[in-house]
Amino acid sequence: KIKGVPQPPIVKPFDQESLIIDLPTVSKDVVSKESI
């Protein structure tokens, strides 16, 4: 970083043509035990 080398990608790339599965929106409704 100090030498000025470009930062590596922050996430691994993937093929946009792959099968991508949508995940449900995260909701606290899924939690049954709320006390930390």
ModelCIF file with pLDDT and N, C-alpha, C, O atoms, coordinates in Angstrom:
data_MODEL
#
_entry.id   MODEL 
#
_entity.id                         1 
_entity.type                       polymer 
_entity.pdbx_number_of_molecules   1 
#
_entity_poly.entity_id                      1 
_entity_poly.type                           'polypeptide(L)' 
_entity_poly.nstd_linkage                   no 
_entity_poly.nstd_monomer                   no 
_entity_poly.pdbx_seq_one_letter_code       KIKGVPQPPIVKPFDQESLIIDLPTVSKDVVSKESI 
_entity_poly.pdbx_seq_one_letter_code_can   KIKGVPQPPIVKPFDQESLIIDLPTVSKDVVSKESI 
_entity_poly.pdbx_strand_id                 A 
#
loop_
_entity_poly_seq.entity_id 
_entity_poly_seq.num 
_entity_poly_seq.mon_id 
_entity_poly_seq.hetero 
1 1  LYS n 
1 2  ILE n 
1 3  LYS n 
1 4  GLY n 
1 5  VAL n 
1 6  PRO n 
1 7  GLN n 
1 8  PRO n 
1 9  PRO n 
1 10 ILE n 
1 11 VAL n 
1 12 LYS n 
1 13 PRO n 
1 14 PHE n 
1 15 ASP n 
1 16 GLN n 
1 17 GLU n 
1 18 SER n 
1 19 LEU n 
1 20 ILE n 
1 21 ILE n 
1 22 ASP n 
1 23 LEU n 
1 24 PRO n 
1 25 THR n 
1 26 VAL n 
1 27 SER n 
1 28 LYS n 
1 29 ASP n 
1 30 VAL n 
1 31 VAL n 
1 32 SER n 
1 33 LYS n 
1 34 GLU n 
1 35 SER n 
1 36 ILE n 
#
_struct_asym.id          A 
_struct_asym.entity_id   1 
#
loop_
_ma_qa_metric.id 
_ma_qa_metric.mode 
_ma_qa_metric.name 
_ma_qa_metric.software_group_id 
_ma_qa_metric.type 
1 global pLDDT . pLDDT 
2 local  pLDDT . pLDDT 
#
_ma_qa_metric_global.metric_id      1 
_ma_qa_metric_global.metric_value   94.19 
_ma_qa_metric_global.model_id       1 
_ma_qa_metric_global.ordinal_id     1 
#
loop_
_ma_qa_metric_local.label_asym_id 
_ma_qa_metric_local.label_comp_id 
_ma_qa_metric_local.label_seq_id 
_ma_qa_metric_local.metric_id 
_ma_qa_metric_local.metric_value 
_ma_qa_metric_local.model_id 
_ma_qa_metric_local.ordinal_id 
A LYS 1  2 93.00 1 1  
A ILE 2  2 93.00 1 2  
A LYS 3  2 95.00 1 3  
A GLY 4  2 96.00 1 4  
A VAL 5  2 97.00 1 5  
A PRO 6  2 94.00 1 6  
A GLN 7  2 93.00 1 7  
A PRO 8  2 94.00 1 8  
A PRO 9  2 92.00 1 9  
A ILE 10 2 88.00 1 10 
A VAL 11 2 91.00 1 11 
A LYS 12 2 93.00 1 12 
A PRO 13 2 92.00 1 13 
A PHE 14 2 92.00 1 14 
A ASP 15 2 90.00 1 15 
A GLN 16 2 88.00 1 16 
A GLU 17 2 88.00 1 17 
A SER 18 2 91.00 1 18 
A LEU 19 2 95.00 1 19 
A ILE 20 2 96.00 1 20 
A ILE 21 2 96.00 1 21 
A ASP 22 2 97.00 1 22 
A LEU 23 2 98.00 1 23 
A PRO 24 2 97.00 1 24 
A THR 25 2 97.00 1 25 
A VAL 26 2 97.00 1 26 
A SER 27 2 94.00 1 27 
A LYS 28 2 94.00 1 28 
A ASP 29 2 96.00 1 29 
A VAL 30 2 97.00 1 30 
A VAL 31 2 97.00 1 31 
A SER 32 2 96.00 1 32 
A LYS 33 2 96.00 1 33 
A GLU 34 2 95.00 1 34 
A SER 35 2 97.00 1 35 
A ILE 36 2 96.00 1 36 
#
loop_
_atom_site.group_PDB 
_atom_site.id 
_atom_site.type_symbol 
_atom_site.label_atom_id 
_atom_site.label_alt_id 
_atom_site.label_comp_id 
_atom_site.label_asym_id 
_atom_site.label_entity_id 
_atom_site.label_seq_id 
_atom_site.pdbx_PDB_ins_code 
_atom_site.Cartn_x 
_atom_site.Cartn_y 
_atom_site.Cartn_z 
_atom_site.occupancy 
_atom_site.B_iso_or_equiv 
_atom_site.pdbx_formal_charge 
_atom_site.auth_seq_id 
_atom_site.auth_comp_id 
_atom_site.auth_asym_id 
_atom_site.auth_atom_id 
_atom_site.pdbx_PDB_model_num 
ATOM 1   N N  . LYS A 1 1  ? 0.835   -1.200  0.000   1.00 93.00 ? 1  LYS A N  1 
ATOM 2   C CA . LYS A 1 1  ? 0.000   0.000   0.000   1.00 93.00 ? 1  LYS A CA 1 
ATOM 3   C C  . LYS A 1 1  ? 0.870   1.251   0.000   1.00 93.00 ? 1  LYS A C  1 
ATOM 4   O O  . LYS A 1 1  ? 0.620   2.183   -0.764  1.00 93.00 ? 1  LYS A O  1 
ATOM 5   N N  . ILE A 1 2  ? 1.896   1.275   0.858   1.00 93.00 ? 2  ILE A N  1 
ATOM 6   C CA . ILE A 1 2  ? 2.804   2.423   0.929   1.00 93.00 ? 2  ILE A CA 1 
ATOM 7   C C  . ILE A 1 2  ? 3.581   2.588   -0.384  1.00 93.00 ? 2  ILE A C  1 
ATOM 8   O O  . ILE A 1 2  ? 3.867   3.709   -0.805  1.00 93.00 ? 2  ILE A O  1 
ATOM 9   N N  . LYS A 1 3  ? 3.914   1.473   -1.020  1.00 95.00 ? 3  LYS A N  1 
ATOM 10  C CA . LYS A 1 3  ? 4.657   1.513   -2.285  1.00 95.00 ? 3  LYS A CA 1 
ATOM 11  C C  . LYS A 1 3  ? 3.791   1.978   -3.458  1.00 95.00 ? 3  LYS A C  1 
ATOM 12  O O  . LYS A 1 3  ? 4.300   2.221   -4.552  1.00 95.00 ? 3  LYS A O  1 
ATOM 13  N N  . GLY A 1 4  ? 2.492   2.098   -3.227  1.00 96.00 ? 4  GLY A N  1 
ATOM 14  C CA . GLY A 1 4  ? 1.606   2.553   -4.295  1.00 96.00 ? 4  GLY A CA 1 
ATOM 15  C C  . GLY A 1 4  ? 1.060   1.446   -5.166  1.00 96.00 ? 4  GLY A C  1 
ATOM 16  O O  . GLY A 1 4  ? 0.480   1.715   -6.218  1.00 96.00 ? 4  GLY A O  1 
ATOM 17  N N  . VAL A 1 5  ? 1.235   0.204   -4.748  1.00 97.00 ? 5  VAL A N  1 
ATOM 18  C CA . VAL A 1 5  ? 0.655   -0.922  -5.491  1.00 97.00 ? 5  VAL A CA 1 
ATOM 19  C C  . VAL A 1 5  ? -0.863  -0.849  -5.385  1.00 97.00 ? 5  VAL A C  1 
ATOM 20  O O  . VAL A 1 5  ? -1.381  -0.623  -4.291  1.00 97.00 ? 5  VAL A O  1 
ATOM 21  N N  . PRO A 1 6  ? -1.595  -1.033  -6.483  1.00 94.00 ? 6  PRO A N  1 
ATOM 22  C CA . PRO A 1 6  ? -3.058  -0.942  -6.425  1.00 94.00 ? 6  PRO A CA 1 
ATOM 23  C C  . PRO A 1 6  ? -3.652  -1.931  -5.424  1.00 94.00 ? 6  PRO A C  1 
ATOM 24  O O  . PRO A 1 6  ? -3.171  -3.054  -5.266  1.00 94.00 ? 6  PRO A O  1 
ATOM 25  N N  . GLN A 1 7  ? -4.695  -1.486  -4.763  1.00 93.00 ? 7  GLN A N  1 
ATOM 26  C CA . GLN A 1 7  ? -5.378  -2.347  -3.795  1.00 93.00 ? 7  GLN A CA 1 
ATOM 27  C C  . GLN A 1 7  ? -6.016  -3.536  -4.505  1.00 93.00 ? 7  GLN A C  1 
ATOM 28  O O  . GLN A 1 7  ? -6.589  -3.368  -5.582  1.00 93.00 ? 7  GLN A O  1 
ATOM 29  N N  . PRO A 1 8  ? -5.932  -4.730  -3.931  1.00 94.00 ? 8  PRO A N  1 
ATOM 30  C CA . PRO A 1 8  ? -6.591  -5.883  -4.552  1.00 94.00 ? 8  PRO A CA 1 
ATOM 31  C C  . PRO A 1 8  ? -8.105  -5.752  -4.454  1.00 94.00 ? 8  PRO A C  1 
ATOM 32  O O  . PRO A 1 8  ? -8.602  -4.981  -3.633  1.00 94.00 ? 8  PRO A O  1 
ATOM 33  N N  . PRO A 1 9  ? -8.845  -6.488  -5.275  1.00 92.00 ? 9  PRO A N  1 
ATOM 34  C CA . PRO A 1 9  ? -10.313 -6.423  -5.206  1.00 92.00 ? 9  PRO A CA 1 
ATOM 35  C C  . PRO A 1 9  ? -10.814 -6.763  -3.807  1.00 92.00 ? 9  PRO A C  1 
ATOM 36  O O  . PRO A 1 9  ? -10.268 -7.646  -3.146  1.00 92.00 ? 9  PRO A O  1 
ATOM 37  N N  . ILE A 1 10 ? -11.845 -6.066  -3.362  1.00 88.00 ? 10 ILE A N  1 
ATOM 38  C CA . ILE A 1 10 ? -12.355 -6.280  -2.013  1.00 88.00 ? 10 ILE A CA 1 
ATOM 39  C C  . ILE A 1 10 ? -13.291 -7.478  -1.929  1.00 88.00 ? 10 ILE A C  1 
ATOM 40  O O  . ILE A 1 10 ? -13.582 -7.960  -0.835  1.00 88.00 ? 10 ILE A O  1 
ATOM 41  N N  . VAL A 1 11 ? -13.762 -7.960  -3.063  1.00 91.00 ? 11 VAL A N  1 
ATOM 42  C CA . VAL A 1 11 ? -14.556 -9.195  -3.113  1.00 91.00 ? 11 VAL A CA 1 
ATOM 43  C C  . VAL A 1 11 ? -14.119 -9.992  -4.338  1.00 91.00 ? 11 VAL A C  1 
ATOM 44  O O  . VAL A 1 11 ? -13.593 -9.428  -5.298  1.00 91.00 ? 11 VAL A O  1 
ATOM 45  N N  . LYS A 1 12 ? -14.334 -11.273 -4.301  1.00 93.00 ? 12 LYS A N  1 
ATOM 46  C CA . LYS A 1 12 ? -13.954 -12.155 -5.395  1.00 93.00 ? 12 LYS A CA 1 
ATOM 47  C C  . LYS A 1 12 ? -14.928 -11.982 -6.560  1.00 93.00 ? 12 LYS A C  1 
ATOM 48  O O  . LYS A 1 12 ? -16.141 -12.009 -6.349  1.00 93.00 ? 12 LYS A O  1 
ATOM 49  N N  . PRO A 1 13 ? -14.430 -11.808 -7.772  1.00 92.00 ? 13 PRO A N  1 
ATOM 50  C CA . PRO A 1 13 ? -15.332 -11.658 -8.921  1.00 92.00 ? 13 PRO A CA 1 
ATOM 51  C C  . PRO A 1 13 ? -16.067 -12.949 -9.230  1.00 92.00 ? 13 PRO A C  1 
ATOM 52  O O  . PRO A 1 13 ? -15.688 -14.020 -8.756  1.00 92.00 ? 13 PRO A O  1 
ATOM 53  N N  . PHE A 1 14 ? -17.120 -12.840 -10.028 1.00 92.00 ? 14 PHE A N  1 
ATOM 54  C CA . PHE A 1 14 ? -17.872 -14.031 -10.416 1.00 92.00 ? 14 PHE A CA 1 
ATOM 55  C C  . PHE A 1 14 ? -18.470 -13.821 -11.797 1.00 92.00 ? 14 PHE A C  1 
ATOM 56  O O  . PHE A 1 14 ? -18.608 -12.691 -12.266 1.00 92.00 ? 14 PHE A O  1 
ATOM 57  N N  . ASP A 1 15 ? -18.820 -14.916 -12.432 1.00 90.00 ? 15 ASP A N  1 
ATOM 58  C CA . ASP A 1 15 ? -19.418 -14.889 -13.758 1.00 90.00 ? 15 ASP A CA 1 
ATOM 59  C C  . ASP A 1 15 ? -20.866 -14.426 -13.653 1.00 90.00 ? 15 ASP A C  1 
ATOM 60  O O  . ASP A 1 15 ? -21.685 -15.083 -13.011 1.00 90.00 ? 15 ASP A O  1 
ATOM 61  N N  . GLN A 1 16 ? -21.182 -13.301 -14.279 1.00 88.00 ? 16 GLN A N  1 
ATOM 62  C CA . GLN A 1 16 ? -22.536 -12.742 -14.206 1.00 88.00 ? 16 GLN A CA 1 
ATOM 63  C C  . GLN A 1 16 ? -23.573 -13.655 -14.859 1.00 88.00 ? 16 GLN A C  1 
ATOM 64  O O  . GLN A 1 16 ? -24.772 -13.503 -14.628 1.00 88.00 ? 16 GLN A O  1 
ATOM 65  N N  . GLU A 1 17 ? -23.112 -14.597 -15.669 1.00 88.00 ? 17 GLU A N  1 
ATOM 66  C CA . GLU A 1 17 ? -24.033 -15.524 -16.325 1.00 88.00 ? 17 GLU A CA 1 
ATOM 67  C C  . GLU A 1 17 ? -24.327 -16.748 -15.460 1.00 88.00 ? 17 GLU A C  1 
ATOM 68  O O  . GLU A 1 17 ? -25.120 -17.604 -15.853 1.00 88.00 ? 17 GLU A O  1 
ATOM 69  N N  . SER A 1 18 ? -23.704 -16.840 -14.300 1.00 91.00 ? 18 SER A N  1 
ATOM 70  C CA . SER A 1 18 ? -23.931 -17.974 -13.406 1.00 91.00 ? 18 SER A CA 1 
ATOM 71  C C  . SER A 1 18 ? -25.334 -17.919 -12.824 1.00 91.00 ? 18 SER A C  1 
ATOM 72  O O  . SER A 1 18 ? -26.015 -16.896 -12.896 1.00 91.00 ? 18 SER A O  1 
ATOM 73  N N  . LEU A 1 19 ? -25.752 -19.036 -12.247 1.00 95.00 ? 19 LEU A N  1 
ATOM 74  C CA . LEU A 1 19 ? -27.049 -19.069 -11.572 1.00 95.00 ? 19 LEU A CA 1 
ATOM 75  C C  . LEU A 1 19 ? -26.932 -18.320 -10.253 1.00 95.00 ? 19 LEU A C  1 
ATOM 76  O O  . LEU A 1 19 ? -26.193 -18.730 -9.358  1.00 95.00 ? 19 LEU A O  1 
ATOM 77  N N  . ILE A 1 20 ? -27.670 -17.217 -10.141 1.00 96.00 ? 20 ILE A N  1 
ATOM 78  C CA . ILE A 1 20 ? -27.645 -16.374 -8.946  1.00 96.00 ? 20 ILE A CA 1 
ATOM 79  C C  . ILE A 1 20 ? -29.005 -16.487 -8.260  1.00 96.00 ? 20 ILE A C  1 
ATOM 80  O O  . ILE A 1 20 ? -30.046 -16.341 -8.900  1.00 96.00 ? 20 ILE A O  1 
ATOM 81  N N  . ILE A 1 21 ? -28.986 -16.746 -6.973  1.00 96.00 ? 21 ILE A N  1 
ATOM 82  C CA . ILE A 1 21 ? -30.219 -16.958 -6.223  1.00 96.00 ? 21 ILE A CA 1 
ATOM 83  C C  . ILE A 1 21 ? -30.438 -15.775 -5.286  1.00 96.00 ? 21 ILE A C  1 
ATOM 84  O O  . ILE A 1 21 ? -29.575 -15.444 -4.473  1.00 96.00 ? 21 ILE A O  1 
ATOM 85  N N  . ASP A 1 22 ? -31.599 -15.147 -5.411  1.00 97.00 ? 22 ASP A N  1 
ATOM 86  C CA . ASP A 1 22 ? -31.944 -14.040 -4.529  1.00 97.00 ? 22 ASP A CA 1 
ATOM 87  C C  . ASP A 1 22 ? -32.192 -14.557 -3.115  1.00 97.00 ? 22 ASP A C  1 
ATOM 88  O O  . ASP A 1 22 ? -32.840 -15.586 -2.925  1.00 97.00 ? 22 ASP A O  1 
ATOM 89  N N  . LEU A 1 23 ? -31.679 -13.848 -2.146  1.00 98.00 ? 23 LEU A N  1 
ATOM 90  C CA . LEU A 1 23 ? -31.947 -14.175 -0.752  1.00 98.00 ? 23 LEU A CA 1 
ATOM 91  C C  . LEU A 1 23 ? -33.024 -13.237 -0.208  1.00 98.00 ? 23 LEU A C  1 
ATOM 92  O O  . LEU A 1 23 ? -33.095 -12.075 -0.608  1.00 98.00 ? 23 LEU A O  1 
ATOM 93  N N  . PRO A 1 24 ? -33.856 -13.734 0.698   1.00 97.00 ? 24 PRO A N  1 
ATOM 94  C CA . PRO A 1 24 ? -34.866 -12.857 1.299   1.00 97.00 ? 24 PRO A CA 1 
ATOM 95  C C  . PRO A 1 24 ? -34.213 -11.680 2.021   1.00 97.00 ? 24 PRO A C  1 
ATOM 96  O O  . PRO A 1 24 ? -33.107 -11.792 2.551   1.00 97.00 ? 24 PRO A O  1 
ATOM 97  N N  . THR A 1 25 ? -34.909 -10.571 2.030   1.00 97.00 ? 25 THR A N  1 
ATOM 98  C CA . THR A 1 25 ? -34.429 -9.415  2.785   1.00 97.00 ? 25 THR A CA 1 
ATOM 99  C C  . THR A 1 25 ? -34.289 -9.789  4.254   1.00 97.00 ? 25 THR A C  1 
ATOM 100 O O  . THR A 1 25 ? -35.177 -10.417 4.831   1.00 97.00 ? 25 THR A O  1 
ATOM 101 N N  . VAL A 1 26 ? -33.180 -9.405  4.849   1.00 97.00 ? 26 VAL A N  1 
ATOM 102 C CA . VAL A 1 26 ? -32.944 -9.740  6.252   1.00 97.00 ? 26 VAL A CA 1 
ATOM 103 C C  . VAL A 1 26 ? -33.916 -8.963  7.129   1.00 97.00 ? 26 VAL A C  1 
ATOM 104 O O  . VAL A 1 26 ? -34.083 -7.752  6.989   1.00 97.00 ? 26 VAL A O  1 
ATOM 105 N N  . SER A 1 27 ? -34.551 -9.698  8.037   1.00 94.00 ? 27 SER A N  1 
ATOM 106 C CA . SER A 1 27 ? -35.523 -9.084  8.930   1.00 94.00 ? 27 SER A CA 1 
ATOM 107 C C  . SER A 1 27 ? -35.343 -9.642  10.330  1.00 94.00 ? 27 SER A C  1 
ATOM 108 O O  . SER A 1 27 ? -35.033 -10.821 10.504  1.00 94.00 ? 27 SER A O  1 
ATOM 109 N N  . LYS A 1 28 ? -35.540 -8.789  11.328  1.00 94.00 ? 28 LYS A N  1 
ATOM 110 C CA . LYS A 1 28 ? -35.449 -9.259  12.714  1.00 94.00 ? 28 LYS A CA 1 
ATOM 111 C C  . LYS A 1 28 ? -36.608 -10.174 13.079  1.00 94.00 ? 28 LYS A C  1 
ATOM 112 O O  . LYS A 1 28 ? -36.603 -10.795 14.142  1.00 94.00 ? 28 LYS A O  1 
ATOM 113 N N  . ASP A 1 29 ? -37.603 -10.261 12.199  1.00 96.00 ? 29 ASP A N  1 
ATOM 114 C CA . ASP A 1 29 ? -38.731 -11.153 12.465  1.00 96.00 ? 29 ASP A CA 1 
ATOM 115 C C  . ASP A 1 29 ? -38.313 -12.613 12.538  1.00 96.00 ? 29 ASP A C  1 
ATOM 116 O O  . ASP A 1 29 ? -39.023 -13.435 13.117  1.00 96.00 ? 29 ASP A O  1 
ATOM 117 N N  . VAL A 1 30 ? -37.171 -12.938 11.957  1.00 97.00 ? 30 VAL A N  1 
ATOM 118 C CA . VAL A 1 30 ? -36.695 -14.317 11.967  1.00 97.00 ? 30 VAL A CA 1 
ATOM 119 C C  . VAL A 1 30 ? -36.140 -14.706 13.333  1.00 97.00 ? 30 VAL A C  1 
ATOM 120 O O  . VAL A 1 30 ? -35.987 -15.892 13.628  1.00 97.00 ? 30 VAL A O  1 
ATOM 121 N N  . VAL A 1 31 ? -35.841 -13.717 14.163  1.00 97.00 ? 31 VAL A N  1 
ATOM 122 C CA . VAL A 1 31 ? -35.222 -13.961 15.471  1.00 97.00 ? 31 VAL A CA 1 
ATOM 123 C C  . VAL A 1 31 ? -36.279 -14.363 16.491  1.00 97.00 ? 31 VAL A C  1 
ATOM 124 O O  . VAL A 1 31 ? -37.290 -13.680 16.653  1.00 97.00 ? 31 VAL A O  1 
ATOM 125 N N  . SER A 1 32 ? -36.038 -15.477 17.176  1.00 96.00 ? 32 SER A N  1 
ATOM 126 C CA . SER A 1 32 ? -36.954 -15.939 18.221  1.00 96.00 ? 32 SER A CA 1 
ATOM 127 C C  . SER A 1 32 ? -36.428 -15.649 19.625  1.00 96.00 ? 32 SER A C  1 
ATOM 128 O O  . SER A 1 32 ? -37.196 -15.667 20.587  1.00 96.00 ? 32 SER A O  1 
ATOM 129 N N  . LYS A 1 33 ? -35.136 -15.382 19.750  1.00 96.00 ? 33 LYS A N  1 
ATOM 130 C CA . LYS A 1 33 ? -34.525 -15.067 21.042  1.00 96.00 ? 33 LYS A CA 1 
ATOM 131 C C  . LYS A 1 33 ? -33.836 -13.708 20.902  1.00 96.00 ? 33 LYS A C  1 
ATOM 132 O O  . LYS A 1 33 ? -32.736 -13.618 20.356  1.00 96.00 ? 33 LYS A O  1 
ATOM 133 N N  . GLU A 1 34 ? -34.484 -12.661 21.394  1.00 95.00 ? 34 GLU A N  1 
ATOM 134 C CA . GLU A 1 34 ? -34.011 -11.309 21.147  1.00 95.00 ? 34 GLU A CA 1 
ATOM 135 C C  . GLU A 1 34 ? -32.975 -10.821 22.156  1.00 95.00 ? 34 GLU A C  1 
ATOM 136 O O  . GLU A 1 34 ? -32.253 -9.863  21.879  1.00 95.00 ? 34 GLU A O  1 
ATOM 137 N N  . SER A 1 35 ? -32.893 -11.455 23.305  1.00 97.00 ? 35 SER A N  1 
ATOM 138 C CA . SER A 1 35 ? -31.972 -10.993 24.344  1.00 97.00 ? 35 SER A CA 1 
ATOM 139 C C  . SER A 1 35 ? -30.538 -11.401 24.018  1.00 97.00 ? 35 SER A C  1 
ATOM 140 O O  . SER A 1 35 ? -30.237 -12.591 23.928  1.00 97.00 ? 35 SER A O  1 
ATOM 141 N N  . ILE A 1 36 ? -29.656 -10.425 23.843  1.00 96.00 ? 36 ILE A N  1 
ATOM 142 C CA . ILE A 1 36 ? -28.252 -10.753 23.580  1.00 96.00 ? 36 ILE A CA 1 
ATOM 143 C C  . ILE A 1 36 ? -27.642 -11.434 24.791  1.00 96.00 ? 36 ILE A C  1 
ATOM 144 O O  . ILE A 1 36 ? -26.464 -11.790 24.771  1.00 96.00 ? 36 ILE A O  1 
#
